[in-house]
């Protein structure tokens, strides 16, 4: 779970669309 928030923050700046997908997966 520790990596979940870390990846989210990384996805936010990388790609908003990607973040939505990651959020659904998580």
PDB file of N, CA and C in Angstrom:
ATOM      1  N   UNK A   1       0.837  -1.192   0.000  1.00  0.00           N
ATOM      2  CA  UNK A   1       0.000   0.000   0.000  1.00  0.00           C
ATOM      3  C   UNK A   1       0.884   1.258   0.000  1.00  0.00           C
ATOM      4  N   UNK A   2       2.083   1.115   0.545  1.00  0.00           N
ATOM      5  CA  UNK A   2       2.996   2.265   0.602  1.00  0.00           C
ATOM      6  C   UNK A   2       3.326   2.781  -0.792  1.00  0.00           C
ATOM      7  N   UNK A   3       3.367   1.871  -1.764  1.00  0.00           N
ATOM      8  CA  UNK A   3       3.724   2.283  -3.120  1.00  0.00           C
ATOM      9  C   UNK A   3       2.522   2.878  -3.854  1.00  0.00           C
ATOM     10  N   UNK A   4       1.345   2.553  -3.401  1.00  0.00           N
ATOM     11  CA  UNK A   4       0.127   3.045  -4.074  1.00  0.00           C
ATOM     12  C   UNK A   4       0.113   4.576  -4.138  1.00  0.00           C
ATOM     13  N   UNK A   5       0.260   5.251  -2.999  1.00  0.00           N
ATOM     14  CA  UNK A   5       0.235   6.720  -2.985  1.00  0.00           C
ATOM     15  C   UNK A   5       1.413   7.312  -3.759  1.00  0.00           C
ATOM     16  N   UNK A   6       2.539   6.629  -3.699  1.00  0.00           N
ATOM     17  CA  UNK A   6       3.736   7.133  -4.381  1.00  0.00           C
ATOM     18  C   UNK A   6       3.503   7.143  -5.898  1.00  0.00           C
ATOM     19  N   UNK A   7       2.949   6.043  -6.399  1.00  0.00           N
ATOM     20  CA  UNK A   7       2.701   5.934  -7.837  1.00  0.00           C
ATOM     21  C   UNK A   7       1.640   6.948  -8.255  1.00  0.00           C
ATOM     22  N   UNK A   8       0.655   7.155  -7.391  1.00  0.00           N
ATOM     23  CA  UNK A   8      -0.413   8.084  -7.737  1.00  0.00           C
ATOM     24  C   UNK A   8       0.173   9.476  -7.987  1.00  0.00           C
ATOM     25  N   UNK A   9       1.018   9.922  -7.078  1.00  0.00           N
ATOM     26  CA  UNK A   9       1.617  11.254  -7.194  1.00  0.00           C
ATOM     27  C   UNK A   9       2.425  11.347  -8.493  1.00  0.00           C
ATOM     28  N   UNK A  10       3.065  10.236  -8.834  1.00  0.00           N
ATOM     29  CA  UNK A  10       3.901  10.234 -10.034  1.00  0.00           C
ATOM     30  C   UNK A  10       3.039  10.299 -11.294  1.00  0.00           C
ATOM     31  N   UNK A  11       1.887   9.636 -11.229  1.00  0.00           N
ATOM     32  CA  UNK A  11       0.996   9.590 -12.389  1.00  0.00           C
ATOM     33  C   UNK A  11       0.325  10.952 -12.597  1.00  0.00           C
ATOM     34  N   UNK A  12       0.027  11.616 -11.506  1.00  0.00           N
ATOM     35  CA  UNK A  12      -0.665  12.909 -11.583  1.00  0.00           C
ATOM     36  C   UNK A  12       0.052  13.853 -12.552  1.00  0.00           C
ATOM     37  N   UNK A  13       1.339  14.110 -12.307  1.00  0.00           N
ATOM     38  CA  UNK A  13       2.093  15.021 -13.160  1.00  0.00           C
ATOM     39  C   UNK A  13       2.405  14.402 -14.524  1.00  0.00           C
ATOM     40  N   UNK A  14       2.523  13.112 -14.553  1.00  0.00           N
ATOM     41  CA  UNK A  14       2.868  12.424 -15.807  1.00  0.00           C
ATOM     42  C   UNK A  14       1.706  12.499 -16.790  1.00  0.00           C
ATOM     43  N   UNK A  15       0.516  12.099 -16.359  1.00  0.00           N
ATOM     44  CA  UNK A  15      -0.653  12.082 -17.253  1.00  0.00           C
ATOM     45  C   UNK A  15      -1.938  11.982 -16.442  1.00  0.00           C
ATOM     46  N   UNK A  16      -2.804  12.957 -16.601  1.00  0.00           N
ATOM     47  CA  UNK A  16      -4.070  12.961 -15.842  1.00  0.00           C
ATOM     48  C   UNK A  16      -4.904  11.724 -16.213  1.00  0.00           C
ATOM     49  N   UNK A  17      -4.924  11.400 -17.503  1.00  0.00           N
ATOM     50  CA  UNK A  17      -5.713  10.252 -17.966  1.00  0.00           C
ATOM     51  C   UNK A  17      -5.189   8.963 -17.343  1.00  0.00           C
ATOM     52  N   UNK A  18      -3.862   8.875 -17.260  1.00  0.00           N
ATOM     53  CA  UNK A  18      -3.230   7.667 -16.701  1.00  0.00           C
ATOM     54  C   UNK A  18      -3.590   7.530 -15.222  1.00  0.00           C
ATOM     55  N   UNK A  19      -3.673   8.679 -14.556  1.00  0.00           N
ATOM     56  CA  UNK A  19      -3.980   8.674 -13.125  1.00  0.00           C
ATOM     57  C   UNK A  19      -5.351   8.028 -12.898  1.00  0.00           C
ATOM     58  N   UNK A  20      -6.317   8.396 -13.733  1.00  0.00           N
ATOM     59  CA  UNK A  20      -7.683   7.871 -13.594  1.00  0.00           C
ATOM     60  C   UNK A  20      -7.659   6.340 -13.703  1.00  0.00           C
ATOM     61  N   UNK A  21      -6.878   5.844 -14.668  1.00  0.00           N
ATOM     62  CA  UNK A  21      -6.789   4.398 -14.868  1.00  0.00           C
ATOM     63  C   UNK A  21      -6.143   3.742 -13.660  1.00  0.00           C
ATOM     64  N   UNK A  22      -5.076   4.346 -13.166  1.00  0.00           N
ATOM     65  CA  UNK A  22      -4.367   3.790 -12.020  1.00  0.00           C
ATOM     66  C   UNK A  22      -5.296   3.761 -10.801  1.00  0.00           C
ATOM     67  N   UNK A  23      -6.074   4.809 -10.684  1.00  0.00           N
ATOM     68  CA  UNK A  23      -6.973   4.909  -9.528  1.00  0.00           C
ATOM     69  C   UNK A  23      -7.982   3.759  -9.571  1.00  0.00           C
ATOM     70  N   UNK A  24      -8.460   3.445 -10.775  1.00  0.00           N
ATOM     71  CA  UNK A  24      -9.436   2.368 -10.938  1.00  0.00           C
ATOM     72  C   UNK A  24      -8.811   1.026 -10.587  1.00  0.00           C
ATOM     73  N   UNK A  25      -7.553   0.841 -10.992  1.00  0.00           N
ATOM     74  CA  UNK A  25      -6.841  -0.419 -10.731  1.00  0.00           C
ATOM     75  C   UNK A  25      -6.588  -0.574  -9.241  1.00  0.00           C
ATOM     76  N   UNK A  26      -6.181   0.524  -8.619  1.00  0.00           N
ATOM     77  CA  UNK A  26      -5.856   0.479  -7.194  1.00  0.00           C
ATOM     78  C   UNK A  26      -7.155   0.377  -6.398  1.00  0.00           C
TER      79      UNK A  26
END
